[in-house]
């Protein structure tokens, strides 16, 4: 299946929670996008809703080309497969050196690999979870007692990630 030829669009890989948030935002802003998804049912549902969607593996060069990687502005890798994100990053960077790549990964080590392969930005799930735990514990501790670490409280500054 092909999608209409797009220019200056965003390619969203993966339609889990992250991909859905990206798509909803882009739809509200009227920014064109192409969705690449490996779940056939999701692909068919989104196509029926009028979304430009390709069934396939984003780490496959042919799929990236079918999504218009040569003309895209952004590649948002929101897939649950770190290895696929890293491969897609490397392929996309080779094909379209000026594209802005945001790679989502589960682990810090995978995020570092994505940066080494050409990602401009990385969102690391384990860091996001750690940051949220830090923020919530800091908030809880601030209502229970001193927040000054020198007084035995918790340091409420940004976490060290």
C-alpha atoms as a PDB file:
ATOM      1  CA  UNK A   1       0.000   0.000   0.000  1.00  0.00           C
ATOM      2  CA  UNK A   2       1.266   3.448  -0.792  1.00  0.00           C
ATOM      3  CA  UNK A   3       0.511   6.825   0.705  1.00  0.00           C
ATOM      4  CA  UNK A   4       0.139  10.149  -1.092  1.00  0.00           C
ATOM      5  CA  UNK A   5       3.422  11.885  -1.856  1.00  0.00           C
ATOM      6  CA  UNK A   6       4.095  14.275   1.001  1.00  0.00           C
ATOM      7  CA  UNK A   7       6.657  17.006   1.587  1.00  0.00           C
ATOM      8  CA  UNK A   8       7.750  18.643   4.836  1.00  0.00           C
ATOM      9  CA  UNK A   9       5.867  16.026   6.804  1.00  0.00           C
ATOM     10  CA  UNK A  10       6.482  14.004   9.934  1.00  0.00           C
ATOM     11  CA  UNK A  11       6.914  10.246   9.865  1.00  0.00           C
ATOM     12  CA  UNK A  12       5.573   8.599  13.013  1.00  0.00           C
ATOM     13  CA  UNK A  13       6.802   5.054  13.587  1.00  0.00           C
ATOM     14  CA  UNK A  14       4.629   3.164  16.040  1.00  0.00           C
ATOM     15  CA  UNK A  15       1.084   3.849  17.162  1.00  0.00           C
ATOM     16  CA  UNK A  16       1.218   2.984  20.841  1.00  0.00           C
ATOM     17  CA  UNK A  17       0.624   5.696  23.423  1.00  0.00           C
ATOM     18  CA  UNK A  18       3.578   7.828  22.272  1.00  0.00           C
ATOM     19  CA  UNK A  19       2.687   7.595  18.597  1.00  0.00           C
ATOM     20  CA  UNK A  20      -0.951   8.402  19.333  1.00  0.00           C
ATOM     21  CA  UNK A  21       0.022  11.519  21.290  1.00  0.00           C
ATOM     22  CA  UNK A  22       2.228  12.667  18.414  1.00  0.00           C
ATOM     23  CA  UNK A  23      -0.514  12.018  15.838  1.00  0.00           C
ATOM     24  CA  UNK A  24      -3.171  13.836  17.883  1.00  0.00           C
ATOM     25  CA  UNK A  25      -0.916  16.854  18.277  1.00  0.00           C
ATOM     26  CA  UNK A  26      -0.023  16.944  14.576  1.00  0.00           C
ATOM     27  CA  UNK A  27      -3.680  16.595  13.573  1.00  0.00           C
ATOM     28  CA  UNK A  28      -4.639  19.539  15.804  1.00  0.00           C
ATOM     29  CA  UNK A  29      -1.807  21.603  14.301  1.00  0.00           C
ATOM     30  CA  UNK A  30      -2.713  20.452  10.770  1.00  0.00           C
ATOM     31  CA  UNK A  31       0.794  19.163  10.189  1.00  0.00           C
ATOM     32  CA  UNK A  32       0.908  16.361   7.606  1.00  0.00           C
ATOM     33  CA  UNK A  33       2.223  13.014   8.758  1.00  0.00           C
ATOM     34  CA  UNK A  34       2.613   9.429   7.653  1.00  0.00           C
ATOM     35  CA  UNK A  35       2.205   6.634  10.168  1.00  0.00           C
ATOM     36  CA  UNK A  36       4.316   3.472   9.923  1.00  0.00           C
ATOM     37  CA  UNK A  37       2.907   0.598  11.961  1.00  0.00           C
ATOM     38  CA  UNK A  38       3.535  -3.149  12.311  1.00  0.00           C
ATOM     39  CA  UNK A  39       0.119  -4.048  13.710  1.00  0.00           C
ATOM     40  CA  UNK A  40      -2.069  -4.851  10.701  1.00  0.00           C
ATOM     41  CA  UNK A  41      -5.345  -4.260  12.563  1.00  0.00           C
ATOM     42  CA  UNK A  42      -4.186  -0.834  13.740  1.00  0.00           C
ATOM     43  CA  UNK A  43      -3.031  -0.030  10.214  1.00  0.00           C
ATOM     44  CA  UNK A  44      -6.417  -0.950   8.740  1.00  0.00           C
ATOM     45  CA  UNK A  45      -8.328   0.970  11.419  1.00  0.00           C
ATOM     46  CA  UNK A  46      -6.251   4.115  10.955  1.00  0.00           C
ATOM     47  CA  UNK A  47      -6.501   3.891   7.168  1.00  0.00           C
ATOM     48  CA  UNK A  48     -10.309   3.662   7.492  1.00  0.00           C
ATOM     49  CA  UNK A  49     -10.166   6.846   9.584  1.00  0.00           C
ATOM     50  CA  UNK A  50      -8.319   8.648   6.798  1.00  0.00           C
ATOM     51  CA  UNK A  51      -4.800   8.475   8.201  1.00  0.00           C
ATOM     52  CA  UNK A  52      -1.916   8.057   5.750  1.00  0.00           C
ATOM     53  CA  UNK A  53      -0.512   4.806   7.091  1.00  0.00           C
ATOM     54  CA  UNK A  54       1.924   2.165   5.904  1.00  0.00           C
ATOM     55  CA  UNK A  55       2.079  -1.353   7.232  1.00  0.00           C
ATOM     56  CA  UNK A  56       5.703  -2.316   7.754  1.00  0.00           C
ATOM     57  CA  UNK A  57       8.908  -2.250   9.754  1.00  0.00           C
ATOM     58  CA  UNK A  58      10.357   1.254  10.023  1.00  0.00           C
ATOM     59  CA  UNK A  59      13.861  -0.213  10.056  1.00  0.00           C
ATOM     60  CA  UNK A  60      13.294  -1.441   6.482  1.00  0.00           C
ATOM     61  CA  UNK A  61      14.734   1.061   4.002  1.00  0.00           C
ATOM     62  CA  UNK A  62      11.935   0.393   1.489  1.00  0.00           C
ATOM     63  CA  UNK A  63       9.319   1.269   4.113  1.00  0.00           C
ATOM     64  CA  UNK A  64      11.119   4.499   5.031  1.00  0.00           C
ATOM     65  CA  UNK A  65      11.310   5.440   1.361  1.00  0.00           C
ATOM     66  CA  UNK A  66       7.604   4.631   0.862  1.00  0.00           C
ATOM     67  CA  UNK A  67       6.857   6.968   3.802  1.00  0.00           C
ATOM     68  CA  UNK A  68       8.751   9.747   2.013  1.00  0.00           C
ATOM     69  CA  UNK A  69      11.865   9.901   4.162  1.00  0.00           C
ATOM     70  CA  UNK A  70      13.661  11.902   1.453  1.00  0.00           C
ATOM     71  CA  UNK A  71      11.142  14.757   1.828  1.00  0.00           C
ATOM     72  CA  UNK A  72      10.231  14.508   5.533  1.00  0.00           C
ATOM     73  CA  UNK A  73      11.153  17.061   8.190  1.00  0.00           C
ATOM     74  CA  UNK A  74      10.954  14.792  11.236  1.00  0.00           C
ATOM     75  CA  UNK A  75      11.183  11.092  11.978  1.00  0.00           C
ATOM     76  CA  UNK A  76       9.567  10.244  15.336  1.00  0.00           C
ATOM     77  CA  UNK A  77      10.536   6.709  16.368  1.00  0.00           C
ATOM     78  CA  UNK A  78       7.945   5.636  18.934  1.00  0.00           C
ATOM     79  CA  UNK A  79       8.328   1.885  18.449  1.00  0.00           C
ATOM     80  CA  UNK A  80       8.793  -0.564  21.353  1.00  0.00           C
ATOM     81  CA  UNK A  81      11.866  -2.126  19.728  1.00  0.00           C
ATOM     82  CA  UNK A  82      15.142  -0.391  20.570  1.00  0.00           C
ATOM     83  CA  UNK A  83      17.083  -2.267  17.885  1.00  0.00           C
ATOM     84  CA  UNK A  84      14.562  -1.182  15.228  1.00  0.00           C
ATOM     85  CA  UNK A  85      14.816   2.445  16.394  1.00  0.00           C
ATOM     86  CA  UNK A  86      18.592   2.336  16.141  1.00  0.00           C
ATOM     87  CA  UNK A  87      18.539   0.724  12.663  1.00  0.00           C
ATOM     88  CA  UNK A  88      15.886   3.178  11.437  1.00  0.00           C
ATOM     89  CA  UNK A  89      17.956   6.071  12.759  1.00  0.00           C
ATOM     90  CA  UNK A  90      21.030   4.922  10.879  1.00  0.00           C
ATOM     91  CA  UNK A  91      19.145   4.340   7.617  1.00  0.00           C
ATOM     92  CA  UNK A  92      17.204   7.606   7.819  1.00  0.00           C
ATOM     93  CA  UNK A  93      20.342   9.630   8.540  1.00  0.00           C
ATOM     94  CA  UNK A  94      22.088   8.083   5.518  1.00  0.00           C
ATOM     95  CA  UNK A  95      19.160   8.745   3.172  1.00  0.00           C
ATOM     96  CA  UNK A  96      18.184  12.190   4.452  1.00  0.00           C
ATOM     97  CA  UNK A  97      21.035  13.867   6.353  1.00  0.00           C
ATOM     98  CA  UNK A  98      19.005  16.940   7.349  1.00  0.00           C
ATOM     99  CA  UNK A  99      15.991  15.143   8.844  1.00  0.00           C
ATOM    100  CA  UNK A 100      15.353  15.722  12.546  1.00  0.00           C
ATOM    101  CA  UNK A 101      15.246  12.333  14.266  1.00  0.00           C
ATOM    102  CA  UNK A 102      13.659  11.811  17.674  1.00  0.00           C
ATOM    103  CA  UNK A 103      14.214   8.237  18.842  1.00  0.00           C
ATOM    104  CA  UNK A 104      12.373   6.674  21.719  1.00  0.00           C
ATOM    105  CA  UNK A 105      14.175   3.851  23.511  1.00  0.00           C
ATOM    106  CA  UNK A 106      13.577   1.812  26.627  1.00  0.00           C
ATOM    107  CA  UNK A 107      17.143   1.855  27.903  1.00  0.00           C
ATOM    108  CA  UNK A 108      19.860   4.464  28.318  1.00  0.00           C
ATOM    109  CA  UNK A 109      22.384   2.294  26.486  1.00  0.00           C
ATOM    110  CA  UNK A 110      20.041   2.091  23.479  1.00  0.00           C
ATOM    111  CA  UNK A 111      19.514   5.843  23.623  1.00  0.00           C
ATOM    112  CA  UNK A 112      23.267   6.357  23.482  1.00  0.00           C
ATOM    113  CA  UNK A 113      23.476   4.004  20.485  1.00  0.00           C
ATOM    114  CA  UNK A 114      20.692   5.936  18.713  1.00  0.00           C
ATOM    115  CA  UNK A 115      22.582   9.194  19.285  1.00  0.00           C
ATOM    116  CA  UNK A 116      25.756   7.603  17.894  1.00  0.00           C
ATOM    117  CA  UNK A 117      23.825   6.480  14.780  1.00  0.00           C
ATOM    118  CA  UNK A 118      22.496   9.984  14.167  1.00  0.00           C
ATOM    119  CA  UNK A 119      19.449  10.718  16.327  1.00  0.00           C
ATOM    120  CA  UNK A 120      19.093  14.409  17.152  1.00  0.00           C
ATOM    121  CA  UNK A 121      17.118  13.723  20.310  1.00  0.00           C
ATOM    122  CA  UNK A 122      16.391  10.648  22.389  1.00  0.00           C
ATOM    123  CA  UNK A 123      13.596   9.956  24.843  1.00  0.00           C
ATOM    124  CA  UNK A 124      14.654   7.158  27.185  1.00  0.00           C
ATOM    125  CA  UNK A 125      11.778   5.414  28.976  1.00  0.00           C
ATOM    126  CA  UNK A 126      13.801   4.284  31.984  1.00  0.00           C
ATOM    127  CA  UNK A 127      15.037   7.851  32.521  1.00  0.00           C
ATOM    128  CA  UNK A 128      11.524   9.270  32.178  1.00  0.00           C
ATOM    129  CA  UNK A 129      10.247   6.787  34.760  1.00  0.00           C
ATOM    130  CA  UNK A 130      13.163   7.568  37.081  1.00  0.00           C
ATOM    131  CA  UNK A 131      12.535  11.288  36.718  1.00  0.00           C
ATOM    132  CA  UNK A 132       8.847  10.830  37.517  1.00  0.00           C
ATOM    133  CA  UNK A 133       9.625   8.759  40.620  1.00  0.00           C
ATOM    134  CA  UNK A 134      12.082  11.440  41.724  1.00  0.00           C
ATOM    135  CA  UNK A 135       9.515  14.217  41.160  1.00  0.00           C
ATOM    136  CA  UNK A 136       6.741  12.409  43.013  1.00  0.00           C
ATOM    137  CA  UNK A 137       8.880  11.404  45.972  1.00  0.00           C
ATOM    138  CA  UNK A 138      10.252  14.947  46.201  1.00  0.00           C
ATOM    139  CA  UNK A 139       6.682  16.273  46.160  1.00  0.00           C
ATOM    140  CA  UNK A 140       5.550  13.819  48.803  1.00  0.00           C
ATOM    141  CA  UNK A 141       8.545  14.528  51.037  1.00  0.00           C
ATOM    142  CA  UNK A 142       8.097  18.292  50.748  1.00  0.00           C
ATOM    143  CA  UNK A 143       4.664  18.080  52.386  1.00  0.00           C
ATOM    144  CA  UNK A 144       5.929  15.790  55.144  1.00  0.00           C
ATOM    145  CA  UNK A 145       8.915  17.718  56.360  1.00  0.00           C
ATOM    146  CA  UNK A 146      12.016  19.719  55.542  1.00  0.00           C
ATOM    147  CA  UNK A 147      13.124  19.867  51.936  1.00  0.00           C
ATOM    148  CA  UNK A 148      16.658  20.961  52.687  1.00  0.00           C
ATOM    149  CA  UNK A 149      18.970  17.953  52.227  1.00  0.00           C
ATOM    150  CA  UNK A 150      21.235  19.353  54.944  1.00  0.00           C
ATOM    151  CA  UNK A 151      18.311  19.057  57.387  1.00  0.00           C
ATOM    152  CA  UNK A 152      17.590  15.466  56.376  1.00  0.00           C
ATOM    153  CA  UNK A 153      15.021  16.352  53.716  1.00  0.00           C
ATOM    154  CA  UNK A 154      14.998  15.534  50.039  1.00  0.00           C
ATOM    155  CA  UNK A 155      16.684  17.639  47.396  1.00  0.00           C
ATOM    156  CA  UNK A 156      13.848  18.954  45.175  1.00  0.00           C
ATOM    157  CA  UNK A 157      16.066  20.113  42.336  1.00  0.00           C
ATOM    158  CA  UNK A 158      16.000  18.317  39.028  1.00  0.00           C
ATOM    159  CA  UNK A 159      17.196  14.707  39.244  1.00  0.00           C
ATOM    160  CA  UNK A 160      20.750  13.929  38.119  1.00  0.00           C
ATOM    161  CA  UNK A 161      19.712  12.326  34.787  1.00  0.00           C
END
